[in-house]
């Protein structure tokens, strides 16, 4: 598996749940909080055309939007 980035925002319960799940499974990932990083927010909206979080990007491709149930 390649590099995984999880875009989150402050206070998002779906983001917190996904991060907790990834940690419990021992998955390696980088978390980027779009609430704290305006450039990341622009990237998610502009490049990936996504307006909600969490967003999971693996090797530059969006593989998941929302939690595993699609909520977020």
PDB file of N, CA and C in Angstrom:
ATOM      1  N   UNK A   1       0.856  -1.175   0.000  1.00  0.00           N
ATOM      2  CA  UNK A   1       0.000   0.000   0.000  1.00  0.00           C
ATOM      3  C   UNK A   1       0.897   1.231   0.000  1.00  0.00           C
ATOM      4  N   UNK A   2       0.514   2.265  -0.768  1.00  0.00           N
ATOM      5  CA  UNK A   2       1.298   3.481  -0.864  1.00  0.00           C
ATOM      6  C   UNK A   2       0.991   4.478   0.235  1.00  0.00           C
ATOM      7  N   UNK A   3       1.420   5.696   0.008  1.00  0.00           N
ATOM      8  CA  UNK A   3       1.222   6.779   0.975  1.00  0.00           C
ATOM      9  C   UNK A   3      -0.255   7.117   1.083  1.00  0.00           C
ATOM     10  N   UNK A   4      -0.736   7.195   2.323  1.00  0.00           N
ATOM     11  CA  UNK A   4      -2.138   7.502   2.584  1.00  0.00           C
ATOM     12  C   UNK A   4      -2.230   8.796   3.373  1.00  0.00           C
ATOM     13  N   UNK A   5      -3.073   9.706   2.889  1.00  0.00           N
ATOM     14  CA  UNK A   5      -3.349  10.964   3.574  1.00  0.00           C
ATOM     15  C   UNK A   5      -4.823  10.993   3.910  1.00  0.00           C
ATOM     16  N   UNK A   6      -5.135  11.361   5.152  1.00  0.00           N
ATOM     17  CA  UNK A   6      -6.516  11.514   5.574  1.00  0.00           C
ATOM     18  C   UNK A   6      -6.735  12.991   5.886  1.00  0.00           C
ATOM     19  N   UNK A   7      -7.588  13.634   5.101  1.00  0.00           N
ATOM     20  CA  UNK A   7      -7.926  15.033   5.326  1.00  0.00           C
ATOM     21  C   UNK A   7      -9.104  15.077   6.297  1.00  0.00           C
ATOM     22  N   UNK A   8      -8.952  15.865   7.347  1.00  0.00           N
ATOM     23  CA  UNK A   8      -9.958  15.973   8.396  1.00  0.00           C
ATOM     24  C   UNK A   8     -10.243  17.443   8.668  1.00  0.00           C
ATOM     25  N   UNK A   9     -11.194  17.690   9.583  1.00  0.00           N
ATOM     26  CA  UNK A   9     -11.381  19.050  10.085  1.00  0.00           C
ATOM     27  C   UNK A   9     -11.678  18.973  11.569  1.00  0.00           C
ATOM     28  N   UNK A  10     -11.400  20.039  12.249  1.00  0.00           N
ATOM     29  CA  UNK A  10     -11.596  20.126  13.690  1.00  0.00           C
ATOM     30  C   UNK A  10     -13.064  19.904  14.044  1.00  0.00           C
ATOM     31  N   UNK A  11     -13.303  19.040  15.027  1.00  0.00           N
ATOM     32  CA  UNK A  11     -14.653  18.818  15.526  1.00  0.00           C
ATOM     33  C   UNK A  11     -15.494  17.840  14.723  1.00  0.00           C
ATOM     34  N   UNK A  12     -14.954  17.241  13.702  1.00  0.00           N
ATOM     35  CA  UNK A  12     -15.714  16.316  12.854  1.00  0.00           C
ATOM     36  C   UNK A  12     -15.739  14.928  13.498  1.00  0.00           C
ATOM     37  N   UNK A  13     -16.922  14.460  13.920  1.00  0.00           N
ATOM     38  CA  UNK A  13     -16.980  13.145  14.559  1.00  0.00           C
ATOM     39  C   UNK A  13     -16.694  11.998  13.590  1.00  0.00           C
ATOM     40  N   UNK A  14     -17.016  12.177  12.327  1.00  0.00           N
ATOM     41  CA  UNK A  14     -16.738  11.143  11.330  1.00  0.00           C
ATOM     42  C   UNK A  14     -15.235  11.018  11.096  1.00  0.00           C
ATOM     43  N   UNK A  15     -14.548  12.161  11.102  1.00  0.00           N
ATOM     44  CA  UNK A  15     -13.087  12.170  10.970  1.00  0.00           C
ATOM     45  C   UNK A  15     -12.450  11.475  12.163  1.00  0.00           C
ATOM     46  N   UNK A  16     -12.901  11.819  13.357  1.00  0.00           N
ATOM     47  CA  UNK A  16     -12.351  11.225  14.579  1.00  0.00           C
ATOM     48  C   UNK A  16     -12.544   9.713  14.572  1.00  0.00           C
ATOM     49  N   UNK A  17     -13.705   9.261  14.139  1.00  0.00           N
ATOM     50  CA  UNK A  17     -13.980   7.831  14.081  1.00  0.00           C
ATOM     51  C   UNK A  17     -13.089   7.111  13.092  1.00  0.00           C
ATOM     52  N   UNK A  18     -12.882   7.718  11.928  1.00  0.00           N
ATOM     53  CA  UNK A  18     -12.030   7.112  10.913  1.00  0.00           C
ATOM     54  C   UNK A  18     -10.584   7.052  11.389  1.00  0.00           C
ATOM     55  N   UNK A  19     -10.098   8.123  11.985  1.00  0.00           N
ATOM     56  CA  UNK A  19      -8.727   8.154  12.504  1.00  0.00           C
ATOM     57  C   UNK A  19      -8.555   7.085  13.587  1.00  0.00           C
ATOM     58  N   UNK A  20      -9.510   6.984  14.475  1.00  0.00           N
ATOM     59  CA  UNK A  20      -9.446   5.968  15.535  1.00  0.00           C
ATOM     60  C   UNK A  20      -9.396   4.567  14.923  1.00  0.00           C
ATOM     61  N   UNK A  21     -10.231   4.325  13.933  1.00  0.00           N
ATOM     62  CA  UNK A  21     -10.277   3.025  13.263  1.00  0.00           C
ATOM     63  C   UNK A  21      -8.938   2.699  12.596  1.00  0.00           C
ATOM     64  N   UNK A  22      -8.362   3.662  11.899  1.00  0.00           N
ATOM     65  CA  UNK A  22      -7.068   3.445  11.240  1.00  0.00           C
ATOM     66  C   UNK A  22      -5.988   3.133  12.272  1.00  0.00           C
ATOM     67  N   UNK A  23      -5.976   3.864  13.371  1.00  0.00           N
ATOM     68  CA  UNK A  23      -4.975   3.624  14.419  1.00  0.00           C
ATOM     69  C   UNK A  23      -5.147   2.246  15.040  1.00  0.00           C
ATOM     70  N   UNK A  24      -6.385   1.855  15.317  1.00  0.00           N
ATOM     71  CA  UNK A  24      -6.652   0.534  15.893  1.00  0.00           C
ATOM     72  C   UNK A  24      -6.193  -0.582  14.963  1.00  0.00           C
ATOM     73  N   UNK A  25      -6.282  -0.350  13.657  1.00  0.00           N
ATOM     74  CA  UNK A  25      -5.877  -1.352  12.670  1.00  0.00           C
ATOM     75  C   UNK A  25      -4.383  -1.283  12.373  1.00  0.00           C
ATOM     76  N   UNK A  26      -3.708  -0.285  12.944  1.00  0.00           N
ATOM     77  CA  UNK A  26      -2.273  -0.145  12.727  1.00  0.00           C
ATOM     78  C   UNK A  26      -1.908   0.343  11.335  1.00  0.00           C
ATOM     79  N   UNK A  27      -2.832   1.024  10.686  1.00  0.00           N
ATOM     80  CA  UNK A  27      -2.570   1.538   9.338  1.00  0.00           C
ATOM     81  C   UNK A  27      -1.732   2.805   9.411  1.00  0.00           C
ATOM     82  N   UNK A  28      -0.786   2.921   8.503  1.00  0.00           N
ATOM     83  CA  UNK A  28       0.041   4.121   8.443  1.00  0.00           C
ATOM     84  C   UNK A  28      -0.647   5.158   7.571  1.00  0.00           C
ATOM     85  N   UNK A  29      -0.682   6.399   8.069  1.00  0.00           N
ATOM     86  CA  UNK A  29      -1.306   7.487   7.322  1.00  0.00           C
ATOM     87  C   UNK A  29      -0.796   8.807   7.869  1.00  0.00           C
ATOM     88  N   UNK A  30      -1.000   9.835   7.067  1.00  0.00           N
ATOM     89  CA  UNK A  30      -0.705  11.202   7.489  1.00  0.00           C
ATOM     90  C   UNK A  30      -2.041  11.923   7.598  1.00  0.00           C
ATOM     91  N   UNK A  31      -2.276  12.590   8.714  1.00  0.00           N
ATOM     92  CA  UNK A  31      -3.507  13.359   8.887  1.00  0.00           C
ATOM     93  C   UNK A  31      -3.218  14.821   8.592  1.00  0.00           C
ATOM     94  N   UNK A  32      -4.066  15.426   7.763  1.00  0.00           N
ATOM     95  CA  UNK A  32      -3.977  16.854   7.478  1.00  0.00           C
ATOM     96  C   UNK A  32      -5.318  17.477   7.801  1.00  0.00           C
ATOM     97  N   UNK A  33      -5.307  18.425   8.724  1.00  0.00           N
ATOM     98  CA  UNK A  33      -6.522  19.096   9.172  1.00  0.00           C
ATOM     99  C   UNK A  33      -6.755  20.331   8.308  1.00  0.00           C
ATOM    100  N   UNK A  34      -7.812  20.303   7.495  1.00  0.00           N
ATOM    101  CA  UNK A  34      -8.093  21.419   6.593  1.00  0.00           C
ATOM    102  C   UNK A  34      -8.576  22.655   7.338  1.00  0.00           C
ATOM    103  N   UNK A  35      -8.993  22.502   8.591  1.00  0.00           N
ATOM    104  CA  UNK A  35      -9.364  23.658   9.405  1.00  0.00           C
ATOM    105  C   UNK A  35      -8.137  24.496   9.751  1.00  0.00           C
ATOM    106  N   UNK A  36      -6.990  23.842   9.797  1.00  0.00           N
ATOM    107  CA  UNK A  36      -5.745  24.514  10.174  1.00  0.00           C
ATOM    108  C   UNK A  36      -4.843  24.814   8.988  1.00  0.00           C
ATOM    109  N   UNK A  37      -5.161  24.244   7.837  1.00  0.00           N
ATOM    110  CA  UNK A  37      -4.302  24.379   6.655  1.00  0.00           C
ATOM    111  C   UNK A  37      -5.136  24.824   5.458  1.00  0.00           C
ATOM    112  N   UNK A  38      -5.214  26.147   5.209  1.00  0.00           N
ATOM    113  CA  UNK A  38      -6.042  26.655   4.107  1.00  0.00           C
ATOM    114  C   UNK A  38      -5.626  26.125   2.734  1.00  0.00           C
ATOM    115  N   UNK A  39      -4.345  25.867   2.540  1.00  0.00           N
ATOM    116  CA  UNK A  39      -3.885  25.327   1.247  1.00  0.00           C
ATOM    117  C   UNK A  39      -4.413  23.910   1.040  1.00  0.00           C
ATOM    118  N   UNK A  40      -4.440  23.133   2.113  1.00  0.00           N
ATOM    119  CA  UNK A  40      -4.976  21.767   2.020  1.00  0.00           C
ATOM    120  C   UNK A  40      -6.467  21.817   1.698  1.00  0.00           C
ATOM    121  N   UNK A  41      -7.175  22.758   2.295  1.00  0.00           N
ATOM    122  CA  UNK A  41      -8.603  22.906   2.011  1.00  0.00           C
ATOM    123  C   UNK A  41      -8.826  23.228   0.536  1.00  0.00           C
ATOM    124  N   UNK A  42      -8.008  24.112  -0.021  1.00  0.00           N
ATOM    125  CA  UNK A  42      -8.099  24.440  -1.451  1.00  0.00           C
ATOM    126  C   UNK A  42      -7.803  23.213  -2.307  1.00  0.00           C
ATOM    127  N   UNK A  43      -6.804  22.440  -1.897  1.00  0.00           N
ATOM    128  CA  UNK A  43      -6.428  21.236  -2.636  1.00  0.00           C
ATOM    129  C   UNK A  43      -7.581  20.238  -2.675  1.00  0.00           C
ATOM    130  N   UNK A  44      -8.181  19.985  -1.528  1.00  0.00           N
ATOM    131  CA  UNK A  44      -9.282  19.021  -1.449  1.00  0.00           C
ATOM    132  C   UNK A  44     -10.448  19.475  -2.328  1.00  0.00           C
ATOM    133  N   UNK A  45     -10.788  20.748  -2.258  1.00  0.00           N
ATOM    134  CA  UNK A  45     -11.905  21.263  -3.061  1.00  0.00           C
ATOM    135  C   UNK A  45     -11.554  21.357  -4.546  1.00  0.00           C
ATOM    136  N   UNK A  46     -10.376  21.883  -4.829  1.00  0.00           N
ATOM    137  CA  UNK A  46     -10.009  22.131  -6.221  1.00  0.00           C
ATOM    138  C   UNK A  46      -9.549  20.900  -6.973  1.00  0.00           C
ATOM    139  N   UNK A  47      -8.615  20.168  -6.419  1.00  0.00           N
ATOM    140  CA  UNK A  47      -8.036  19.015  -7.105  1.00  0.00           C
ATOM    141  C   UNK A  47      -8.927  17.789  -7.030  1.00  0.00           C
ATOM    142  N   UNK A  48      -9.435  17.513  -5.831  1.00  0.00           N
ATOM    143  CA  UNK A  48     -10.214  16.294  -5.638  1.00  0.00           C
ATOM    144  C   UNK A  48     -11.719  16.510  -5.787  1.00  0.00           C
ATOM    145  N   UNK A  49     -12.148  17.780  -5.890  1.00  0.00           N
ATOM    146  CA  UNK A  49     -13.563  18.128  -6.083  1.00  0.00           C
ATOM    147  C   UNK A  49     -14.456  17.563  -4.980  1.00  0.00           C
ATOM    148  N   UNK A  50     -13.974  17.658  -3.739  1.00  0.00           N
ATOM    149  CA  UNK A  50     -14.698  17.144  -2.587  1.00  0.00           C
ATOM    150  C   UNK A  50     -14.977  18.283  -1.621  1.00  0.00           C
ATOM    151  N   UNK A  51     -16.203  18.353  -1.104  1.00  0.00           N
ATOM    152  CA  UNK A  51     -16.598  19.428  -0.194  1.00  0.00           C
ATOM    153  C   UNK A  51     -16.881  18.954   1.221  1.00  0.00           C
ATOM    154  N   UNK A  52     -16.507  17.722   1.539  1.00  0.00           N
ATOM    155  CA  UNK A  52     -16.730  17.225   2.893  1.00  0.00           C
ATOM    156  C   UNK A  52     -15.568  16.347   3.308  1.00  0.00           C
ATOM    157  N   UNK A  53     -15.488  16.082   4.574  1.00  0.00           N
ATOM    158  CA  UNK A  53     -14.419  15.259   5.126  1.00  0.00           C
ATOM    159  C   UNK A  53     -15.035  14.163   5.982  1.00  0.00           C
ATOM    160  N   UNK A  54     -14.296  13.131   6.285  1.00  0.00           N
ATOM    161  CA  UNK A  54     -12.914  12.880   5.918  1.00  0.00           C
ATOM    162  C   UNK A  54     -12.772  12.492   4.449  1.00  0.00           C
ATOM    163  N   UNK A  55     -11.577  12.750   3.924  1.00  0.00           N
ATOM    164  CA  UNK A  55     -11.213  12.355   2.572  1.00  0.00           C
ATOM    165  C   UNK A  55      -9.926  11.539   2.693  1.00  0.00           C
ATOM    166  N   UNK A  56      -9.954  10.334   2.153  1.00  0.00           N
ATOM    167  CA  UNK A  56      -8.773   9.471   2.177  1.00  0.00           C
ATOM    168  C   UNK A  56      -8.185   9.450   0.773  1.00  0.00           C
ATOM    169  N   UNK A  57      -6.904   9.825   0.689  1.00  0.00           N
ATOM    170  CA  UNK A  57      -6.198   9.864  -0.590  1.00  0.00           C
ATOM    171  C   UNK A  57      -5.017   8.901  -0.498  1.00  0.00           C
ATOM    172  N   UNK A  58      -4.941   7.991  -1.448  1.00  0.00           N
ATOM    173  CA  UNK A  58      -3.838   7.038  -1.487  1.00  0.00           C
ATOM    174  C   UNK A  58      -3.123   7.193  -2.818  1.00  0.00           C
ATOM    175  N   UNK A  59      -1.848   7.489  -2.722  1.00  0.00           N
ATOM    176  CA  UNK A  59      -1.025   7.684  -3.924  1.00  0.00           C
ATOM    177  C   UNK A  59      -1.656   8.682  -4.895  1.00  0.00           C
ATOM    178  N   UNK A  60      -2.217   9.761  -4.348  1.00  0.00           N
ATOM    179  CA  UNK A  60      -2.766  10.829  -5.167  1.00  0.00           C
ATOM    180  C   UNK A  60      -4.180  10.608  -5.670  1.00  0.00           C
ATOM    181  N   UNK A  61      -4.804   9.488  -5.316  1.00  0.00           N
ATOM    182  CA  UNK A  61      -6.158   9.184  -5.768  1.00  0.00           C
ATOM    183  C   UNK A  61      -7.110   9.110  -4.573  1.00  0.00           C
ATOM    184  N   UNK A  62      -8.267   9.741  -4.702  1.00  0.00           N
ATOM    185  CA  UNK A  62      -9.276   9.659  -3.651  1.00  0.00           C
ATOM    186  C   UNK A  62      -9.815   8.230  -3.625  1.00  0.00           C
ATOM    187  N   UNK A  63      -9.733   7.596  -2.454  1.00  0.00           N
ATOM    188  CA  UNK A  63     -10.233   6.237  -2.316  1.00  0.00           C
ATOM    189  C   UNK A  63     -11.447   6.164  -1.399  1.00  0.00           C
ATOM    190  N   UNK A  64     -11.693   7.242  -0.651  1.00  0.00           N
ATOM    191  CA  UNK A  64     -12.849   7.250   0.250  1.00  0.00           C
ATOM    192  C   UNK A  64     -13.217   8.675   0.612  1.00  0.00           C
ATOM    193  N   UNK A  65     -14.513   8.970   0.604  1.00  0.00           N
ATOM    194  CA  UNK A  65     -15.040  10.239   1.087  1.00  0.00           C
ATOM    195  C   UNK A  65     -16.057   9.909   2.167  1.00  0.00           C
ATOM    196  N   UNK A  66     -15.895  10.508   3.318  1.00  0.00           N
ATOM    197  CA  UNK A  66     -16.732  10.176   4.466  1.00  0.00           C
ATOM    198  C   UNK A  66     -16.145   8.987   5.211  1.00  0.00           C
ATOM    199  N   UNK A  67     -16.847   8.559   6.241  1.00  0.00           N
ATOM    200  CA  UNK A  67     -16.389   7.372   6.966  1.00  0.00           C
ATOM    201  C   UNK A  67     -16.727   6.133   6.155  1.00  0.00           C
ATOM    202  N   UNK A  68     -16.536   4.971   6.707  1.00  0.00           N
ATOM    203  CA  UNK A  68     -16.787   3.726   5.947  1.00  0.00           C
ATOM    204  C   UNK A  68     -18.249   3.587   5.524  1.00  0.00           C
ATOM    205  N   UNK A  69     -19.139   4.251   6.241  1.00  0.00           N
ATOM    206  CA  UNK A  69     -20.561   4.240   5.888  1.00  0.00           C
ATOM    207  C   UNK A  69     -20.908   5.368   4.913  1.00  0.00           C
ATOM    208  N   UNK A  70     -19.911   6.181   4.526  1.00  0.00           N
ATOM    209  CA  UNK A  70     -20.140   7.280   3.608  1.00  0.00           C
ATOM    210  C   UNK A  70     -20.621   8.555   4.260  1.00  0.00           C
ATOM    211  N   UNK A  71     -20.616   8.570   5.602  1.00  0.00           N
ATOM    212  CA  UNK A  71     -21.064   9.767   6.319  1.00  0.00           C
ATOM    213  C   UNK A  71     -19.893  10.708   6.545  1.00  0.00           C
ATOM    214  N   UNK A  72     -20.194  11.982   6.520  1.00  0.00           N
ATOM    215  CA  UNK A  72     -19.154  12.972   6.763  1.00  0.00           C
ATOM    216  C   UNK A  72     -19.506  14.258   6.096  1.00  0.00           C
TER     217      UNK A  72
END
